[in-house]
Protein backbone atom coordinates (compact mmCIF):
# COMPACT_ATOMS: atom_id res chain seq x y z
CA MET A 1 -35.63 22.34 -51.71
CA ARG A 2 -34.88 22.42 -48.00
CA ILE A 3 -35.47 25.70 -46.29
CA THR A 4 -35.53 27.40 -42.88
CA PRO A 5 -38.71 27.52 -40.81
CA ALA A 6 -39.16 31.20 -41.53
CA ARG A 7 -38.88 30.33 -45.20
CA ALA A 8 -41.26 27.34 -45.12
CA LEU A 9 -43.41 27.01 -48.18
CA PRO A 10 -46.83 25.31 -48.55
CA ALA A 11 -47.00 21.58 -49.06
CA LEU A 12 -47.29 22.06 -52.85
CA VAL A 13 -43.65 23.02 -52.97
CA ILE A 14 -42.48 20.15 -50.81
CA THR A 15 -44.33 17.58 -52.83
CA SER A 16 -43.64 19.08 -56.26
CA CYS A 17 -40.98 17.37 -58.35
CA LEU A 18 -38.23 19.46 -59.81
CA LEU A 19 -38.28 17.41 -62.99
CA ALA A 20 -41.94 18.33 -63.57
CA THR A 21 -42.42 15.25 -65.75
CA ALA A 22 -44.13 11.91 -65.48
CA ALA A 23 -40.89 10.49 -64.19
CA CYS A 24 -41.69 12.15 -60.89
CA ALA A 25 -44.10 9.40 -60.11
CA ASP A 26 -41.50 6.68 -60.49
CA ASN A 27 -39.22 5.16 -57.89
CA THR A 28 -41.21 6.44 -54.94
CA SER A 29 -40.10 3.52 -52.85
CA THR A 30 -36.49 4.73 -52.92
CA GLY A 31 -37.34 8.44 -52.85
CA SER A 32 -35.57 8.92 -56.17
CA ALA A 33 -37.54 10.73 -58.80
CA SER A 34 -34.67 11.10 -61.22
CA VAL A 35 -33.10 7.69 -61.66
CA GLY A 36 -34.16 4.24 -62.85
CA LYS A 37 -34.05 1.11 -60.77
CA GLU A 38 -30.66 0.01 -62.12
CA GLN A 39 -28.99 3.31 -61.42
CA SER A 40 -30.71 3.53 -58.05
CA ALA A 41 -29.26 0.14 -57.07
CA SER A 42 -25.83 1.30 -58.15
CA LEU A 43 -26.04 4.47 -56.12
CA THR A 44 -27.26 2.56 -53.07
CA ALA A 45 -24.37 0.07 -53.37
CA ALA A 46 -21.83 2.87 -53.57
CA ALA A 47 -23.38 4.56 -50.54
CA ARG A 48 -23.21 1.34 -48.55
CA LYS A 49 -19.56 0.91 -49.48
CA GLU A 50 -18.79 4.47 -48.42
CA ALA A 51 -20.68 3.99 -45.15
CA LEU A 52 -18.74 0.85 -44.26
CA ALA A 53 -15.47 2.61 -45.00
CA ALA A 54 -16.55 5.52 -42.84
CA ALA A 55 -17.07 3.04 -39.97
CA GLY A 56 -13.61 1.63 -40.40
CA GLY A 57 -14.93 -1.49 -42.10
CA LYS A 58 -16.83 -2.56 -38.97
CA LYS A 59 -20.48 -3.26 -38.24
CA ILE A 60 -20.52 -0.90 -35.21
CA GLY A 61 -24.22 -0.94 -34.28
CA GLY A 62 -25.89 1.34 -31.77
CA LYS A 63 -27.77 4.59 -32.41
CA VAL A 64 -27.11 8.20 -33.44
CA THR A 65 -29.59 11.01 -32.95
CA MET A 66 -29.87 13.55 -35.80
CA LEU A 67 -32.15 16.58 -35.76
CA GLY A 68 -32.94 18.47 -38.91
CA ILE A 69 -35.37 20.96 -40.41
CA ASN A 70 -37.13 18.62 -42.80
CA GLY A 71 -40.13 16.46 -42.07
CA GLY A 72 -42.78 15.03 -44.30
CA ALA A 73 -41.83 14.09 -47.84
CA GLU A 74 -38.45 15.82 -47.70
CA GLY A 75 -37.63 14.25 -44.36
CA GLN A 76 -38.33 10.86 -45.89
CA LEU A 77 -35.85 11.59 -48.69
CA ILE A 78 -33.20 12.28 -46.08
CA LYS A 79 -34.04 9.05 -44.30
CA ASN A 80 -33.74 7.21 -47.60
CA ALA A 81 -30.25 8.62 -48.03
CA LEU A 82 -29.40 7.49 -44.49
CA LYS A 83 -30.66 3.93 -44.98
CA PRO A 84 -27.54 2.59 -46.76
CA PHE A 85 -25.49 3.90 -43.81
CA THR A 86 -27.64 1.86 -41.36
CA ASP A 87 -27.55 -1.22 -43.59
CA ALA A 88 -23.80 -1.14 -43.87
CA THR A 89 -22.83 -0.16 -40.32
CA GLY A 90 -25.69 -1.37 -38.15
CA ILE A 91 -25.91 2.14 -36.73
CA GLN A 92 -29.52 3.25 -36.42
CA VAL A 93 -29.96 6.96 -37.22
CA ASP A 94 -32.80 8.45 -35.24
CA TYR A 95 -33.61 11.34 -37.59
CA THR A 96 -36.29 13.83 -36.54
CA GLY A 97 -37.34 16.86 -38.54
CA ASN A 98 -38.55 19.91 -36.66
CA GLU A 99 -39.45 23.33 -38.10
CA ASP A 100 -38.57 24.94 -34.76
CA LEU A 101 -35.11 23.36 -34.92
CA ALA A 102 -33.11 26.21 -33.32
CA ALA A 103 -35.32 26.29 -30.28
CA VAL A 104 -35.36 22.54 -29.86
CA VAL A 105 -31.55 22.28 -30.12
CA GLN A 106 -31.11 25.19 -27.69
CA THR A 107 -33.36 23.52 -25.10
CA ARG A 108 -31.47 20.24 -25.36
CA VAL A 109 -28.10 21.99 -25.16
CA HIS A 110 -29.19 23.86 -22.02
CA ALA A 111 -30.37 20.55 -20.54
CA ASP A 112 -26.90 19.08 -21.26
CA ASN A 113 -28.54 16.60 -23.62
CA PRO A 114 -27.62 17.75 -27.12
CA PRO A 115 -28.35 15.64 -30.19
CA ASP A 116 -25.38 13.90 -31.72
CA VAL A 117 -25.78 15.67 -35.08
CA VAL A 118 -27.78 18.67 -36.29
CA ASP A 119 -28.65 19.40 -39.93
CA ALA A 120 -29.51 23.13 -39.85
CA ALA A 121 -30.37 25.83 -42.37
CA ASP A 122 -28.46 28.64 -40.72
CA LEU A 123 -24.84 29.38 -39.92
CA GLY A 124 -25.26 31.74 -37.05
CA THR A 125 -26.47 29.11 -34.59
CA MET A 126 -23.71 26.75 -35.52
CA LEU A 127 -21.01 29.39 -35.13
CA LYS A 128 -22.44 30.33 -31.76
CA TYR A 129 -22.06 26.78 -30.45
CA ALA A 130 -18.64 26.45 -32.01
CA LYS A 131 -17.40 29.61 -30.26
CA GLN A 132 -18.81 28.24 -26.99
CA GLY A 133 -16.68 25.15 -27.42
CA LYS A 134 -19.68 22.82 -27.68
CA LEU A 135 -19.04 21.37 -31.20
CA VAL A 136 -16.60 18.77 -32.50
CA ASP A 137 -13.82 19.79 -34.88
CA LEU A 138 -14.68 18.05 -38.14
CA GLY A 139 -11.07 18.25 -39.27
CA SER A 140 -10.33 15.61 -36.63
CA LEU A 141 -13.59 13.73 -37.17
CA ILE A 142 -13.60 13.56 -40.96
CA GLY A 143 -10.09 14.64 -41.94
CA THR A 144 -8.90 18.08 -42.98
CA SER A 145 -7.47 16.78 -46.27
CA THR A 146 -10.77 15.07 -47.10
CA LEU A 147 -12.73 18.24 -46.45
CA LYS A 148 -10.40 20.37 -48.52
CA SER A 149 -10.51 17.98 -51.47
CA SER A 150 -14.28 17.69 -51.41
CA TYR A 151 -15.59 21.21 -50.74
CA PRO A 152 -14.97 24.74 -52.05
CA LYS A 153 -12.68 26.74 -49.85
CA SER A 154 -15.31 29.44 -49.34
CA LEU A 155 -17.80 26.92 -47.93
CA LEU A 156 -15.20 25.55 -45.50
CA ASN A 157 -14.29 29.10 -44.46
CA ALA A 158 -17.92 29.76 -43.64
CA THR A 159 -17.90 27.05 -41.01
CA THR A 160 -14.41 27.60 -39.63
CA VAL A 161 -13.65 29.22 -36.28
CA ASN A 162 -10.04 29.81 -35.14
CA GLY A 163 -8.68 27.47 -37.74
CA LYS A 164 -11.09 24.59 -37.00
CA THR A 165 -13.94 23.49 -39.24
CA TYR A 166 -17.16 22.69 -37.45
CA GLY A 167 -19.78 22.28 -40.15
CA VAL A 168 -20.13 20.57 -43.52
CA PHE A 169 -22.68 21.52 -46.17
CA SER A 170 -24.97 19.14 -47.94
CA GLU A 171 -27.73 20.96 -49.84
CA ILE A 172 -26.52 24.21 -51.33
CA ASP A 173 -28.72 26.76 -53.03
CA ASN A 174 -27.71 29.61 -55.30
CA PHE A 175 -29.68 32.38 -56.91
CA MET A 176 -30.32 33.33 -60.52
CA VAL A 177 -32.58 35.24 -62.92
CA TRP A 178 -35.27 32.99 -64.41
CA TYR A 179 -37.04 33.40 -67.78
CA ASP A 180 -39.01 31.50 -70.40
CA PRO A 181 -36.73 30.98 -73.43
CA LYS A 182 -39.78 30.93 -75.73
CA THR A 183 -41.00 34.37 -74.85
CA TYR A 184 -38.14 36.32 -73.28
CA LYS A 185 -36.57 38.86 -75.62
CA GLY A 186 -33.98 40.45 -73.31
CA PRO A 187 -30.31 39.77 -72.67
CA LYS A 188 -29.62 36.18 -71.59
CA SER A 189 -26.13 36.83 -70.32
CA PRO A 190 -26.06 40.54 -69.39
CA ALA A 191 -22.57 41.76 -68.55
CA THR A 192 -23.72 44.03 -65.74
CA TRP A 193 -26.76 44.73 -63.63
CA ASP A 194 -27.15 48.06 -65.51
CA ASP A 195 -27.57 46.12 -68.76
CA LEU A 196 -30.41 44.06 -67.28
CA GLU A 197 -31.99 47.12 -65.67
CA LYS A 198 -31.89 49.02 -68.96
CA PHE A 199 -33.94 46.24 -70.56
CA THR A 200 -36.46 46.12 -67.69
CA LYS A 201 -37.01 49.89 -67.91
CA GLN A 202 -37.47 49.70 -71.63
CA GLN A 203 -40.07 46.99 -71.13
CA ALA A 204 -41.93 48.99 -68.50
CA ALA A 205 -41.93 52.02 -70.77
CA THR A 206 -43.71 50.04 -73.48
CA GLY A 207 -46.32 48.74 -71.03
CA LYS A 208 -44.79 45.26 -70.63
CA THR A 209 -44.23 44.35 -66.95
CA PRO A 210 -40.68 43.00 -66.61
CA TRP A 211 -40.56 41.41 -63.15
CA CYS A 212 -42.43 38.55 -61.49
CA MET A 213 -42.59 38.73 -57.71
CA ALA A 214 -44.61 37.21 -54.81
CA GLN A 215 -44.00 37.66 -51.09
CA ASN A 216 -46.84 35.95 -49.23
CA ALA A 217 -45.58 33.09 -47.07
CA GLY A 218 -47.68 33.46 -43.95
CA ALA A 219 -45.51 34.23 -40.93
CA GLY A 220 -42.42 34.15 -43.17
CA SER A 221 -43.77 36.61 -45.73
CA GLY A 222 -41.11 38.79 -47.28
CA TRP A 223 -38.26 36.28 -47.43
CA PRO A 224 -37.96 36.22 -51.29
CA GLY A 225 -37.52 40.01 -51.08
CA ALA A 226 -34.79 39.59 -48.44
CA GLN A 227 -32.92 37.28 -50.85
CA TRP A 228 -33.37 39.75 -53.67
CA ILE A 229 -31.87 42.53 -51.53
CA GLU A 230 -28.91 40.38 -50.47
CA ASN A 231 -28.18 39.41 -54.05
CA TRP A 232 -28.20 43.01 -55.23
CA PHE A 233 -25.96 44.07 -52.31
CA LEU A 234 -23.39 41.33 -52.97
CA LYS A 235 -23.24 41.97 -56.66
CA HIS A 236 -22.70 45.71 -56.14
CA TYR A 237 -20.53 45.88 -53.02
CA GLY A 238 -18.82 42.48 -52.91
CA ALA A 239 -18.14 39.70 -50.46
CA ALA A 240 -16.25 41.72 -47.83
CA LYS A 241 -19.03 44.25 -47.45
CA LEU A 242 -21.69 41.51 -47.29
CA ALA A 243 -19.67 39.81 -44.54
CA ASP A 244 -19.57 43.08 -42.64
CA TRP A 245 -23.33 43.41 -42.94
CA ALA A 246 -23.93 39.84 -41.89
CA SER A 247 -21.63 40.18 -38.87
CA GLY A 248 -23.05 43.47 -37.73
CA LYS A 249 -19.98 45.55 -38.57
CA LEU A 250 -22.02 47.34 -41.22
CA SER A 251 -25.21 48.81 -39.88
CA TRP A 252 -28.65 48.13 -41.36
CA THR A 253 -28.96 51.87 -41.73
CA SER A 254 -25.69 52.22 -43.65
CA ARG A 255 -25.50 53.85 -47.07
CA GLU A 256 -24.82 50.51 -48.76
CA VAL A 257 -27.64 48.57 -47.11
CA THR A 258 -30.05 51.45 -47.75
CA ALA A 259 -29.04 51.50 -51.46
CA ALA A 260 -29.80 47.77 -51.81
CA TRP A 261 -33.24 48.22 -50.26
CA LYS A 262 -33.97 51.19 -52.53
CA ALA A 263 -32.95 49.16 -55.61
CA PHE A 264 -35.37 46.48 -54.54
CA GLY A 265 -38.06 49.03 -53.80
CA ALA A 266 -37.66 50.59 -57.26
CA VAL A 267 -38.95 47.25 -58.60
CA ALA A 268 -41.29 45.92 -55.87
CA THR A 269 -43.19 49.13 -55.24
CA ASP A 270 -43.62 50.20 -58.87
CA PRO A 271 -46.74 48.84 -60.59
CA LYS A 272 -45.06 49.25 -63.96
CA MET A 273 -42.15 47.00 -62.85
CA VAL A 274 -43.92 44.04 -61.11
CA ALA A 275 -46.82 42.00 -62.38
CA GLY A 276 -50.04 43.09 -60.66
CA GLY A 277 -48.34 45.88 -58.72
CA PRO A 278 -47.30 45.96 -55.05
CA THR A 279 -50.68 44.82 -53.69
CA THR A 280 -50.55 41.64 -55.80
CA VAL A 281 -46.91 41.10 -54.82
CA LEU A 282 -47.85 41.07 -51.17
CA SER A 283 -51.01 38.99 -51.54
CA SER A 284 -49.61 36.33 -53.91
CA SER A 285 -48.24 33.13 -52.45
CA VAL A 286 -44.53 32.57 -52.98
CA VAL A 287 -45.52 29.35 -54.72
CA ASN A 288 -46.78 31.54 -57.52
CA ASN A 289 -43.58 33.60 -57.79
CA GLY A 290 -42.86 32.46 -61.31
CA THR A 291 -46.39 31.71 -62.52
CA GLY A 292 -46.37 34.78 -64.70
CA LEU A 293 -43.38 33.49 -66.64
CA ILE A 294 -45.19 30.41 -67.87
CA SER A 295 -48.73 31.76 -68.22
CA SER A 296 -50.20 32.33 -71.65
CA PRO A 297 -49.67 35.12 -72.42
CA PRO A 298 -46.90 35.74 -69.89
CA SER A 299 -47.57 38.55 -67.39
CA CYS A 300 -43.89 39.15 -66.71
CA SER A 301 -40.46 38.31 -68.13
CA LEU A 302 -38.00 37.76 -65.23
CA MET A 303 -37.74 36.41 -61.75
CA LEU A 304 -34.84 36.64 -59.32
CA TRP A 305 -35.03 33.63 -57.01
CA GLY A 306 -33.21 30.50 -55.88
CA VAL A 307 -32.49 27.22 -57.64
CA TYR A 308 -35.68 25.77 -56.15
CA ALA A 309 -37.69 28.13 -58.33
CA GLY A 310 -37.50 25.61 -61.13
CA GLY A 311 -39.39 22.99 -59.16
CA VAL A 312 -41.86 25.45 -57.74
CA THR A 313 -42.67 26.91 -61.18
CA LEU A 314 -42.57 23.86 -63.44
CA GLY A 315 -44.36 21.79 -60.84
CA GLN A 316 -47.50 23.75 -61.57
CA LYS A 317 -47.47 22.62 -65.22
CA PRO A 318 -45.99 19.15 -65.50
CA SER A 319 -46.07 19.25 -69.29
CA LEU A 320 -43.37 21.97 -69.39
CA LYS A 321 -39.75 21.00 -69.77
CA PRO A 322 -36.76 22.37 -67.86
CA GLY A 323 -34.35 24.25 -70.10
CA THR A 324 -36.98 24.47 -72.87
CA ASP A 325 -39.79 26.24 -71.08
CA LEU A 326 -37.82 27.66 -68.17
CA ASP A 327 -34.15 28.58 -67.90
CA PHE A 328 -31.93 31.03 -66.01
CA PHE A 329 -28.77 33.11 -66.16
CA PRO A 330 -26.55 34.25 -63.27
CA VAL A 331 -27.46 37.37 -61.39
CA PRO A 332 -25.34 40.02 -63.13
CA ALA A 333 -22.89 42.10 -61.13
CA GLY A 334 -22.74 45.82 -60.71
CA SER A 335 -19.15 45.59 -61.90
CA PRO A 336 -16.83 42.84 -63.18
CA ALA A 337 -15.03 42.84 -59.80
CA HIS A 338 -18.01 41.14 -58.18
CA ALA A 339 -19.01 38.81 -61.02
CA ASP A 340 -17.68 35.67 -59.28
CA ASP A 341 -19.22 36.51 -55.88
CA GLU A 342 -22.15 34.14 -55.47
CA LEU A 343 -24.78 34.29 -52.73
CA PHE A 344 -25.73 30.96 -51.28
CA SER A 345 -27.96 29.35 -48.68
CA GLY A 346 -28.24 25.74 -47.70
CA HIS A 347 -27.93 23.15 -44.99
CA VAL A 348 -24.96 22.62 -42.75
CA ALA A 349 -24.41 19.59 -40.49
CA TYR A 350 -22.46 19.77 -37.25
CA ALA A 351 -21.81 17.39 -34.35
CA PHE A 352 -22.03 17.81 -30.58
CA THR A 353 -20.58 14.40 -29.76
CA SER A 354 -17.44 12.51 -30.72
CA ASN A 355 -17.68 8.75 -30.74
CA PRO A 356 -17.31 6.01 -33.37
CA ARG A 357 -20.97 6.23 -34.38
CA THR A 358 -21.02 10.00 -34.81
CA ARG A 359 -17.66 9.90 -36.54
CA ALA A 360 -18.92 7.36 -39.06
CA LEU A 361 -22.14 9.26 -39.73
CA MET A 362 -20.39 12.59 -40.31
CA ARG A 363 -17.87 10.98 -42.60
CA TYR A 364 -20.70 9.37 -44.56
CA TRP A 365 -22.87 12.48 -44.69
CA ALA A 366 -19.98 14.59 -46.02
CA SER A 367 -19.13 12.05 -48.72
CA ALA A 368 -19.93 12.23 -52.44
CA PRO A 369 -21.84 8.88 -52.45
CA ALA A 370 -24.20 10.02 -49.66
CA GLN A 371 -24.84 13.40 -51.29
CA THR A 372 -25.29 11.75 -54.68
CA MET A 373 -28.19 9.83 -53.10
CA LEU A 374 -29.75 13.24 -52.30
CA VAL A 375 -29.03 14.57 -55.82
CA ALA A 376 -30.69 11.54 -57.34
CA SER A 377 -33.95 12.45 -55.59
CA GLY A 378 -34.27 15.23 -58.22
CA GLN A 379 -34.89 17.83 -55.50
CA TRP A 380 -31.58 19.42 -54.58
CA THR A 381 -28.11 20.54 -55.59
CA GLU A 382 -25.42 19.36 -53.15
CA ALA A 383 -22.12 20.81 -52.02
CA ASN A 384 -19.58 18.00 -52.45
CA THR A 385 -17.53 18.80 -55.56
CA LYS A 386 -16.83 15.08 -56.26
CA ILE A 387 -20.47 14.42 -57.17
CA PRO A 388 -20.45 13.47 -60.86
CA ALA A 389 -22.33 15.81 -63.18
CA SER A 390 -24.16 12.78 -64.55
CA ALA A 391 -25.99 12.43 -61.21
CA TYR A 392 -28.02 15.52 -62.14
CA ALA A 393 -30.71 14.22 -64.49
CA ASN A 394 -32.38 17.61 -64.45
CA PRO A 395 -30.56 20.05 -66.75
CA LEU A 396 -31.50 23.03 -64.52
CA LEU A 397 -30.01 21.39 -61.43
CA LYS A 398 -26.91 20.43 -63.34
CA LYS A 399 -26.46 23.93 -64.66
CA ALA A 400 -27.06 25.42 -61.19
CA SER A 401 -24.47 23.12 -59.64
CA GLN A 402 -21.90 24.03 -62.25
CA GLN A 403 -22.60 27.73 -61.79
CA LEU A 404 -22.31 27.40 -58.05
CA LEU A 405 -19.27 25.23 -57.54
CA ASN A 406 -16.95 26.10 -60.44
CA GLY A 407 -14.61 28.87 -59.38
CA LYS A 408 -17.15 30.97 -57.53
CA ASN A 409 -16.59 32.83 -54.25
CA LEU A 410 -19.53 31.55 -52.24
CA VAL A 411 -20.82 34.09 -49.71
CA ALA A 412 -23.67 33.91 -47.19
CA GLY A 413 -25.67 36.94 -46.15
CA PRO A 414 -27.56 38.11 -43.04
CA SER A 415 -30.36 35.63 -43.64
CA MET A 416 -27.89 32.79 -43.02
CA TYR A 417 -25.80 34.41 -40.26
CA SER A 418 -28.24 36.42 -38.22
CA ASN A 419 -30.20 35.17 -35.26
CA PRO A 420 -33.86 34.19 -35.88
CA ALA A 421 -35.21 37.48 -34.47
CA VAL A 422 -33.13 39.55 -36.94
CA VAL A 423 -34.12 37.30 -39.84
CA ALA A 424 -37.80 37.66 -38.92
CA ALA A 425 -37.42 41.46 -38.67
CA PHE A 426 -35.72 41.44 -42.10
CA ASP A 427 -38.62 39.55 -43.68
CA LYS A 428 -41.27 41.68 -41.99
CA GLY A 429 -39.37 44.80 -42.99
CA VAL A 430 -39.67 43.83 -46.65
CA VAL A 431 -43.45 43.62 -46.33
CA SER A 432 -43.64 46.92 -44.47
CA TYR A 433 -41.49 48.66 -47.07
CA ILE A 434 -43.65 47.42 -49.96
CA GLN A 435 -46.77 48.51 -48.09
CA LYS A 436 -45.39 51.97 -47.42
CA PRO A 437 -42.30 52.87 -49.47
CA GLY A 438 -41.76 56.13 -47.51
CA SER A 439 -41.14 54.09 -44.38
CA LEU A 440 -37.73 52.74 -45.41
CA ASN A 441 -35.73 54.67 -42.77
CA ASP A 442 -38.09 53.55 -40.03
CA VAL A 443 -37.94 49.97 -41.27
CA LEU A 444 -34.17 49.88 -41.26
CA ASP A 445 -33.99 51.62 -37.83
CA GLY A 446 -36.27 48.91 -36.51
CA ILE A 447 -34.20 46.03 -37.84
CA GLN A 448 -31.04 47.67 -36.49
CA ARG A 449 -32.60 47.89 -32.99
CA VAL A 450 -33.39 44.16 -33.11
CA ALA A 451 -29.85 43.40 -34.32
CA SER A 452 -28.31 45.57 -31.57
CA THR A 453 -30.08 43.66 -28.81
CA GLY A 454 -28.19 40.53 -29.77
């Protein structure tokens, strides 16, 4: 999982392995937890071949600067995926992870010393620089036909300004409803949200708490709730409305946004609906979001969270198996019209400079062989549609990738598009609302004021 600074999790998450098996201890020298030595060598060879082709078959040499969110263990996995590029092209990639990425990039841009490439976890900053004319058109750098054949149209649209594409996604996260197949007795493919809600209310009425939820993430507390709200909004009002909300055309105090918050509040503030009640929801670390699903006996039945929830949850009990002890189904829609609208978050790379070294790196980073290296780490799903399904050793990641990239209309919400101040207000608003449900109007008024200041 790679996430924004406001959504940073404790080190347990970063170091947990999504496979949650003994295999996680293997292949640490290559950063690949999911593949054996033979397959790892094959993937590396394919990546080197792709890198050399990206450089026009030449050993160019020199250096490229690349700034990203991830440091530590996850940053090392990114460096591992970049190593075949350096080996093949002679181009040294100076990768630096920084949790305060947006501020660092802004400072360097203002000093007229931008990094060559940025790997960011938000779209709003990228689009701002694109509209200012500071970014390189990736259609010319990578090739429009290559991009169109390798990425879903909706992902390319998300990074396109005035007909030019300025960003390319690597990691891509979707959202789902998680459950334990051994204990969950509800619908595993509910046709509508109402069907799922009917089951949860029936559970609550019998004294069985349906939902797992945790919101404590230090300064970023509340972000799982923000994602919950965005999912509900998209599945009830559709992609166009979500785009209006994300762009500011639809106010935070609008009827639709208010309804999404109230739907979240009907769960998060009701002690019959969430394990431990609202106080526990606020005090529990997000690392423990799904602990109730796998406890014995379980304290809850369902959790709405991202694809990374598998690693976070199963990582706490390495003996459990993905697909057997933890599984998921898509977030059901309010109506069939929105069934294929899928909320996503992820990482988007963009370039400030255009030269042979940057061109080669961006071509490589956008390619299936490079992103297959990241998939093989066992940590992430990736955006390139040419990545073979066999690269996903983990059945949960494979299933998530298929759910995300096969015929879905991928849509990002305010958490991806808004500036950091609005995102922080969103997260804090979730906490305030759970603490005091009657404060919703004041909470939304406050977020709207932050959004209105730009």
